[in-house]
């Protein structure tokens, strides 16, 4: 598992396909809360499990699954 302290506010989150998923708001309760102001968010906060994180590299959060799969599985509450 990745050290969650490496996940910083405003970091870009990308899927395993390299496509943009969102922007980190903060980490809470084992989930990454994405900003609702990100163009990909549709005005809603989305939550993805920290377990989806493959690595944090150069300030970018890289996930272990493609963007479309993440979007199918993320929650809004």
PDB file of N, CA and C in Angstrom:
ATOM      1  N   UNK A   1       0.837  -1.186   0.000  1.00  0.00           N
ATOM      2  CA  UNK A   1       0.000   0.000   0.000  1.00  0.00           C
ATOM      3  C   UNK A   1       0.877   1.244   0.000  1.00  0.00           C
ATOM      4  N   UNK A   2       0.370   2.286  -0.610  1.00  0.00           N
ATOM      5  CA  UNK A   2       1.080   3.553  -0.726  1.00  0.00           C
ATOM      6  C   UNK A   2       0.962   4.340   0.577  1.00  0.00           C
ATOM      7  N   UNK A   3       1.994   5.087   0.896  1.00  0.00           N
ATOM      8  CA  UNK A   3       1.983   5.970   2.063  1.00  0.00           C
ATOM      9  C   UNK A   3       1.055   7.147   1.757  1.00  0.00           C
ATOM     10  N   UNK A   4      -0.113   7.180   2.400  1.00  0.00           N
ATOM     11  CA  UNK A   4      -1.111   8.209   2.093  1.00  0.00           C
ATOM     12  C   UNK A   4      -0.627   9.622   2.403  1.00  0.00           C
ATOM     13  N   UNK A   5       0.387   9.766   3.235  1.00  0.00           N
ATOM     14  CA  UNK A   5       0.912  11.107   3.521  1.00  0.00           C
ATOM     15  C   UNK A   5       1.559  11.731   2.281  1.00  0.00           C
ATOM     16  N   UNK A   6       1.847  10.908   1.264  1.00  0.00           N
ATOM     17  CA  UNK A   6       2.409  11.419   0.010  1.00  0.00           C
ATOM     18  C   UNK A   6       1.341  12.039  -0.887  1.00  0.00           C
ATOM     19  N   UNK A   7       0.068  11.784  -0.594  1.00  0.00           N
ATOM     20  CA  UNK A   7      -1.027  12.313  -1.408  1.00  0.00           C
ATOM     21  C   UNK A   7      -1.334  13.718  -0.913  1.00  0.00           C
ATOM     22  N   UNK A   8      -1.075  14.696  -1.757  1.00  0.00           N
ATOM     23  CA  UNK A   8      -1.199  16.100  -1.366  1.00  0.00           C
ATOM     24  C   UNK A   8      -2.401  16.772  -2.013  1.00  0.00           C
ATOM     25  N   UNK A   9      -2.919  17.806  -1.327  1.00  0.00           N
ATOM     26  CA  UNK A   9      -3.992  18.621  -1.881  1.00  0.00           C
ATOM     27  C   UNK A   9      -3.593  19.150  -3.247  1.00  0.00           C
ATOM     28  N   UNK A  10      -4.551  19.190  -4.153  1.00  0.00           N
ATOM     29  CA  UNK A  10      -4.408  19.738  -5.500  1.00  0.00           C
ATOM     30  C   UNK A  10      -3.552  18.881  -6.426  1.00  0.00           C
ATOM     31  N   UNK A  11      -3.181  17.671  -5.982  1.00  0.00           N
ATOM     32  CA  UNK A  11      -2.435  16.767  -6.867  1.00  0.00           C
ATOM     33  C   UNK A  11      -3.377  16.232  -7.938  1.00  0.00           C
ATOM     34  N   UNK A  12      -2.853  16.037  -9.121  1.00  0.00           N
ATOM     35  CA  UNK A  12      -3.644  15.422 -10.193  1.00  0.00           C
ATOM     36  C   UNK A  12      -3.760  13.932  -9.921  1.00  0.00           C
ATOM     37  N   UNK A  13      -4.923  13.366 -10.218  1.00  0.00           N
ATOM     38  CA  UNK A  13      -5.160  11.932 -10.109  1.00  0.00           C
ATOM     39  C   UNK A  13      -5.376  11.413 -11.526  1.00  0.00           C
ATOM     40  N   UNK A  14      -4.608  10.383 -11.914  1.00  0.00           N
ATOM     41  CA  UNK A  14      -4.726   9.809 -13.249  1.00  0.00           C
ATOM     42  C   UNK A  14      -4.956   8.310 -13.161  1.00  0.00           C
ATOM     43  N   UNK A  15      -5.692   7.786 -14.133  1.00  0.00           N
ATOM     44  CA  UNK A  15      -5.927   6.353 -14.210  1.00  0.00           C
ATOM     45  C   UNK A  15      -4.714   5.631 -14.755  1.00  0.00           C
ATOM     46  N   UNK A  16      -4.777   4.309 -14.777  1.00  0.00           N
ATOM     47  CA  UNK A  16      -3.658   3.513 -15.291  1.00  0.00           C
ATOM     48  C   UNK A  16      -3.445   3.751 -16.780  1.00  0.00           C
ATOM     49  N   UNK A  17      -4.451   4.311 -17.446  1.00  0.00           N
ATOM     50  CA  UNK A  17      -4.349   4.650 -18.861  1.00  0.00           C
ATOM     51  C   UNK A  17      -3.748   6.038 -19.082  1.00  0.00           C
ATOM     52  N   UNK A  18      -3.408   6.732 -17.981  1.00  0.00           N
ATOM     53  CA  UNK A  18      -2.792   8.050 -18.067  1.00  0.00           C
ATOM     54  C   UNK A  18      -3.792   9.188 -18.208  1.00  0.00           C
ATOM     55  N   UNK A  19      -5.086   8.886 -18.268  1.00  0.00           N
ATOM     56  CA  UNK A  19      -6.109   9.917 -18.426  1.00  0.00           C
ATOM     57  C   UNK A  19      -6.451  10.557 -17.083  1.00  0.00           C
ATOM     58  N   UNK A  20      -6.828  11.815 -17.142  1.00  0.00           N
ATOM     59  CA  UNK A  20      -7.170  12.599 -15.951  1.00  0.00           C
ATOM     60  C   UNK A  20      -8.440  12.066 -15.300  1.00  0.00           C
ATOM     61  N   UNK A  21      -8.373  11.815 -13.983  1.00  0.00           N
ATOM     62  CA  UNK A  21      -9.539  11.387 -13.202  1.00  0.00           C
ATOM     63  C   UNK A  21     -10.090  12.570 -12.413  1.00  0.00           C
ATOM     64  N   UNK A  22      -9.202  13.341 -11.788  1.00  0.00           N
ATOM     65  CA  UNK A  22      -9.635  14.460 -10.973  1.00  0.00           C
ATOM     66  C   UNK A  22      -8.475  15.102 -10.254  1.00  0.00           C
ATOM     67  N   UNK A  23      -8.818  15.939  -9.267  1.00  0.00           N
ATOM     68  CA  UNK A  23      -7.838  16.666  -8.467  1.00  0.00           C
ATOM     69  C   UNK A  23      -8.136  16.406  -6.989  1.00  0.00           C
ATOM     70  N   UNK A  24      -7.101  16.112  -6.229  1.00  0.00           N
ATOM     71  CA  UNK A  24      -7.263  15.797  -4.811  1.00  0.00           C
ATOM     72  C   UNK A  24      -7.731  17.036  -4.041  1.00  0.00           C
ATOM     73  N   UNK A  25      -8.799  16.851  -3.262  1.00  0.00           N
ATOM     74  CA  UNK A  25      -9.207  17.841  -2.274  1.00  0.00           C
ATOM     75  C   UNK A  25      -8.475  17.488  -0.979  1.00  0.00           C
ATOM     76  N   UNK A  26      -8.706  16.270  -0.475  1.00  0.00           N
ATOM     77  CA  UNK A  26      -7.960  15.750   0.667  1.00  0.00           C
ATOM     78  C   UNK A  26      -8.265  14.264   0.852  1.00  0.00           C
ATOM     79  N   UNK A  27      -7.562  13.654   1.797  1.00  0.00           N
ATOM     80  CA  UNK A  27      -7.761  12.238   2.110  1.00  0.00           C
ATOM     81  C   UNK A  27      -8.489  12.166   3.449  1.00  0.00           C
ATOM     82  N   UNK A  28      -9.553  11.340   3.483  1.00  0.00           N
ATOM     83  CA  UNK A  28     -10.294  11.158   4.732  1.00  0.00           C
ATOM     84  C   UNK A  28     -10.889   9.762   4.771  1.00  0.00           C
ATOM     85  N   UNK A  29     -10.812   9.125   5.920  1.00  0.00           N
ATOM     86  CA  UNK A  29     -11.430   7.809   6.135  1.00  0.00           C
ATOM     87  C   UNK A  29     -11.076   6.774   5.061  1.00  0.00           C
ATOM     88  N   UNK A  30      -9.817   6.753   4.652  1.00  0.00           N
ATOM     89  CA  UNK A  30      -9.376   5.762   3.676  1.00  0.00           C
ATOM     90  C   UNK A  30      -9.818   6.032   2.250  1.00  0.00           C
ATOM     91  N   UNK A  31     -10.281   7.258   1.995  1.00  0.00           N
ATOM     92  CA  UNK A  31     -10.709   7.624   0.645  1.00  0.00           C
ATOM     93  C   UNK A  31     -10.073   8.955   0.237  1.00  0.00           C
ATOM     94  N   UNK A  32      -9.888   9.095  -1.071  1.00  0.00           N
ATOM     95  CA  UNK A  32      -9.439  10.368  -1.614  1.00  0.00           C
ATOM     96  C   UNK A  32     -10.687  11.126  -2.047  1.00  0.00           C
ATOM     97  N   UNK A  33     -10.854  12.308  -1.486  1.00  0.00           N
ATOM     98  CA  UNK A  33     -11.961  13.180  -1.873  1.00  0.00           C
ATOM     99  C   UNK A  33     -11.439  14.066  -2.993  1.00  0.00           C
ATOM    100  N   UNK A  34     -12.125  14.041  -4.127  1.00  0.00           N
ATOM    101  CA  UNK A  34     -11.729  14.858  -5.271  1.00  0.00           C
ATOM    102  C   UNK A  34     -12.474  16.186  -5.242  1.00  0.00           C
ATOM    103  N   UNK A  35     -11.833  17.234  -5.753  1.00  0.00           N
ATOM    104  CA  UNK A  35     -12.462  18.552  -5.760  1.00  0.00           C
ATOM    105  C   UNK A  35     -13.672  18.564  -6.674  1.00  0.00           C
ATOM    106  N   UNK A  36     -14.683  19.323  -6.290  1.00  0.00           N
ATOM    107  CA  UNK A  36     -15.884  19.430  -7.118  1.00  0.00           C
ATOM    108  C   UNK A  36     -15.712  20.483  -8.206  1.00  0.00           C
ATOM    109  N   UNK A  37     -14.658  21.293  -8.116  1.00  0.00           N
ATOM    110  CA  UNK A  37     -14.426  22.333  -9.118  1.00  0.00           C
ATOM    111  C   UNK A  37     -13.635  21.835 -10.315  1.00  0.00           C
ATOM    112  N   UNK A  38     -13.131  20.607 -10.248  1.00  0.00           N
ATOM    113  CA  UNK A  38     -12.400  20.021 -11.369  1.00  0.00           C
ATOM    114  C   UNK A  38     -13.381  19.850 -12.537  1.00  0.00           C
ATOM    115  N   UNK A  39     -12.951  20.152 -13.766  1.00  0.00           N
ATOM    116  CA  UNK A  39     -13.847  20.003 -14.912  1.00  0.00           C
ATOM    117  C   UNK A  39     -14.437  18.587 -15.061  1.00  0.00           C
ATOM    118  N   UNK A  40     -13.720  17.566 -14.604  1.00  0.00           N
ATOM    119  CA  UNK A  40     -14.199  16.181 -14.721  1.00  0.00           C
ATOM    120  C   UNK A  40     -15.225  15.824 -13.648  1.00  0.00           C
ATOM    121  N   UNK A  41     -15.439  16.709 -12.657  1.00  0.00           N
ATOM    122  CA  UNK A  41     -16.264  16.370 -11.497  1.00  0.00           C
ATOM    123  C   UNK A  41     -17.754  16.653 -11.665  1.00  0.00           C
ATOM    124  N   UNK A  42     -18.106  17.465 -12.625  1.00  0.00           N
ATOM    125  CA  UNK A  42     -19.515  17.785 -12.815  1.00  0.00           C
ATOM    126  C   UNK A  42     -20.127  18.513 -11.632  1.00  0.00           C
ATOM    127  N   UNK A  43     -19.316  19.254 -10.876  1.00  0.00           N
ATOM    128  CA  UNK A  43     -19.817  20.023  -9.752  1.00  0.00           C
ATOM    129  C   UNK A  43     -20.039  19.232  -8.476  1.00  0.00           C
ATOM    130  N   UNK A  44     -19.585  17.976  -8.440  1.00  0.00           N
ATOM    131  CA  UNK A  44     -19.764  17.122  -7.262  1.00  0.00           C
ATOM    132  C   UNK A  44     -18.417  16.654  -6.729  1.00  0.00           C
ATOM    133  N   UNK A  45     -18.353  16.480  -5.406  1.00  0.00           N
ATOM    134  CA  UNK A  45     -17.196  15.803  -4.820  1.00  0.00           C
ATOM    135  C   UNK A  45     -17.345  14.319  -5.128  1.00  0.00           C
ATOM    136  N   UNK A  46     -16.256  13.671  -5.514  1.00  0.00           N
ATOM    137  CA  UNK A  46     -16.246  12.226  -5.718  1.00  0.00           C
ATOM    138  C   UNK A  46     -15.214  11.626  -4.783  1.00  0.00           C
ATOM    139  N   UNK A  47     -15.452  10.397  -4.365  1.00  0.00           N
ATOM    140  CA  UNK A  47     -14.565   9.695  -3.446  1.00  0.00           C
ATOM    141  C   UNK A  47     -14.081   8.407  -4.092  1.00  0.00           C
ATOM    142  N   UNK A  48     -12.772   8.178  -4.000  1.00  0.00           N
ATOM    143  CA  UNK A  48     -12.212   6.921  -4.487  1.00  0.00           C
ATOM    144  C   UNK A  48     -11.377   6.301  -3.368  1.00  0.00           C
ATOM    145  N   UNK A  49     -11.414   4.983  -3.238  1.00  0.00           N
ATOM    146  CA  UNK A  49     -10.646   4.326  -2.176  1.00  0.00           C
ATOM    147  C   UNK A  49      -9.136   4.522  -2.356  1.00  0.00           C
ATOM    148  N   UNK A  50      -8.443   4.710  -1.256  1.00  0.00           N
ATOM    149  CA  UNK A  50      -6.983   4.814  -1.292  1.00  0.00           C
ATOM    150  C   UNK A  50      -6.393   3.525  -1.864  1.00  0.00           C
ATOM    151  N   UNK A  51      -7.115   2.414  -1.723  1.00  0.00           N
ATOM    152  CA  UNK A  51      -6.651   1.131  -2.263  1.00  0.00           C
ATOM    153  C   UNK A  51      -6.461   1.153  -3.774  1.00  0.00           C
ATOM    154  N   UNK A  52      -7.089   2.101  -4.469  1.00  0.00           N
ATOM    155  CA  UNK A  52      -6.943   2.223  -5.928  1.00  0.00           C
ATOM    156  C   UNK A  52      -5.577   2.792  -6.313  1.00  0.00           C
ATOM    157  N   UNK A  53      -4.853   3.398  -5.361  1.00  0.00           N
ATOM    158  CA  UNK A  53      -3.601   4.090  -5.670  1.00  0.00           C
ATOM    159  C   UNK A  53      -2.489   3.082  -5.909  1.00  0.00           C
ATOM    160  N   UNK A  54      -1.877   3.211  -7.073  1.00  0.00           N
ATOM    161  CA  UNK A  54      -0.734   2.373  -7.437  1.00  0.00           C
ATOM    162  C   UNK A  54       0.568   3.035  -6.974  1.00  0.00           C
ATOM    163  N   UNK A  55       0.658   4.353  -7.168  1.00  0.00           N
ATOM    164  CA  UNK A  55       1.884   5.074  -6.821  1.00  0.00           C
ATOM    165  C   UNK A  55       1.598   6.570  -6.757  1.00  0.00           C
ATOM    166  N   UNK A  56       2.484   7.286  -6.074  1.00  0.00           N
ATOM    167  CA  UNK A  56       2.488   8.747  -6.102  1.00  0.00           C
ATOM    168  C   UNK A  56       3.853   9.130  -6.645  1.00  0.00           C
ATOM    169  N   UNK A  57       3.852   9.726  -7.838  1.00  0.00           N
ATOM    170  CA  UNK A  57       5.101  10.055  -8.521  1.00  0.00           C
ATOM    171  C   UNK A  57       5.097  11.513  -8.939  1.00  0.00           C
ATOM    172  N   UNK A  58       6.117  12.236  -8.537  1.00  0.00           N
ATOM    173  CA  UNK A  58       6.258  13.654  -8.892  1.00  0.00           C
ATOM    174  C   UNK A  58       4.985  14.436  -8.601  1.00  0.00           C
ATOM    175  N   UNK A  59       4.329  14.113  -7.485  1.00  0.00           N
ATOM    176  CA  UNK A  59       3.128  14.835  -7.090  1.00  0.00           C
ATOM    177  C   UNK A  59       1.853  14.385  -7.778  1.00  0.00           C
ATOM    178  N   UNK A  60       1.945  13.401  -8.648  1.00  0.00           N
ATOM    179  CA  UNK A  60       0.768  12.871  -9.349  1.00  0.00           C
ATOM    180  C   UNK A  60       0.364  11.548  -8.716  1.00  0.00           C
ATOM    181  N   UNK A  61      -0.943  11.406  -8.457  1.00  0.00           N
ATOM    182  CA  UNK A  61      -1.479  10.168  -7.893  1.00  0.00           C
ATOM    183  C   UNK A  61      -1.861   9.267  -9.061  1.00  0.00           C
ATOM    184  N   UNK A  62      -1.201   8.109  -9.152  1.00  0.00           N
ATOM    185  CA  UNK A  62      -1.451   7.160 -10.246  1.00  0.00           C
ATOM    186  C   UNK A  62      -2.248   5.975  -9.711  1.00  0.00           C
ATOM    187  N   UNK A  63      -3.368   5.695 -10.381  1.00  0.00           N
ATOM    188  CA  UNK A  63      -4.257   4.626  -9.938  1.00  0.00           C
ATOM    189  C   UNK A  63      -3.941   3.317 -10.649  1.00  0.00           C
ATOM    190  N   UNK A  64      -4.466   2.221 -10.099  1.00  0.00           N
ATOM    191  CA  UNK A  64      -4.178   0.883 -10.631  1.00  0.00           C
ATOM    192  C   UNK A  64      -5.224   0.393 -11.621  1.00  0.00           C
ATOM    193  N   UNK A  65      -6.132   1.275 -12.028  1.00  0.00           N
ATOM    194  CA  UNK A  65      -7.182   0.891 -12.983  1.00  0.00           C
ATOM    195  C   UNK A  65      -7.473   2.065 -13.915  1.00  0.00           C
ATOM    196  N   UNK A  66      -8.038   1.775 -15.083  1.00  0.00           N
ATOM    197  CA  UNK A  66      -8.288   2.837 -16.059  1.00  0.00           C
ATOM    198  C   UNK A  66      -9.354   3.839 -15.590  1.00  0.00           C
ATOM    199  N   UNK A  67      -9.289   5.009 -16.147  1.00  0.00           N
ATOM    200  CA  UNK A  67     -10.154   6.117 -15.766  1.00  0.00           C
ATOM    201  C   UNK A  67     -11.637   5.760 -15.815  1.00  0.00           C
ATOM    202  N   UNK A  68     -12.094   5.137 -16.876  1.00  0.00           N
ATOM    203  CA  UNK A  68     -13.523   4.807 -16.993  1.00  0.00           C
ATOM    204  C   UNK A  68     -13.976   3.857 -15.889  1.00  0.00           C
ATOM    205  N   UNK A  69     -13.131   2.916 -15.522  1.00  0.00           N
ATOM    206  CA  UNK A  69     -13.472   1.999 -14.426  1.00  0.00           C
ATOM    207  C   UNK A  69     -13.575   2.756 -13.098  1.00  0.00           C
ATOM    208  N   UNK A  70     -12.638   3.677 -12.872  1.00  0.00           N
ATOM    209  CA  UNK A  70     -12.671   4.494 -11.647  1.00  0.00           C
ATOM    210  C   UNK A  70     -13.971   5.270 -11.584  1.00  0.00           C
ATOM    211  N   UNK A  71     -14.354   5.878 -12.699  1.00  0.00           N
ATOM    212  CA  UNK A  71     -15.574   6.684 -12.725  1.00  0.00           C
ATOM    213  C   UNK A  71     -16.826   5.850 -12.486  1.00  0.00           C
ATOM    214  N   UNK A  72     -16.814   4.588 -12.905  1.00  0.00           N
ATOM    215  CA  UNK A  72     -17.944   3.704 -12.631  1.00  0.00           C
ATOM    216  C   UNK A  72     -18.028   3.357 -11.149  1.00  0.00           C
ATOM    217  N   UNK A  73     -16.877   3.333 -10.474  1.00  0.00           N
ATOM    218  CA  UNK A  73     -16.817   2.878  -9.095  1.00  0.00           C
ATOM    219  C   UNK A  73     -16.746   3.986  -8.046  1.00  0.00           C
ATOM    220  N   UNK A  74     -16.493   5.225  -8.453  1.00  0.00           N
ATOM    221  CA  UNK A  74     -16.395   6.274  -7.447  1.00  0.00           C
ATOM    222  C   UNK A  74     -17.755   6.575  -6.855  1.00  0.00           C
ATOM    223  N   UNK A  75     -17.760   7.177  -5.674  1.00  0.00           N
ATOM    224  CA  UNK A  75     -19.021   7.523  -5.028  1.00  0.00           C
ATOM    225  C   UNK A  75     -19.065   9.040  -4.817  1.00  0.00           C
ATOM    226  N   UNK A  76     -20.281   9.537  -4.555  1.00  0.00           N
ATOM    227  CA  UNK A  76     -20.442  10.967  -4.305  1.00  0.00           C
ATOM    228  C   UNK A  76     -20.810  11.253  -2.856  1.00  0.00           C
ATOM    229  N   UNK A  77     -20.770  10.205  -2.017  1.00  0.00           N
ATOM    230  CA  UNK A  77     -21.067  10.442  -0.598  1.00  0.00           C
ATOM    231  C   UNK A  77     -20.340   9.433   0.264  1.00  0.00           C
TER     232      UNK A  77
END
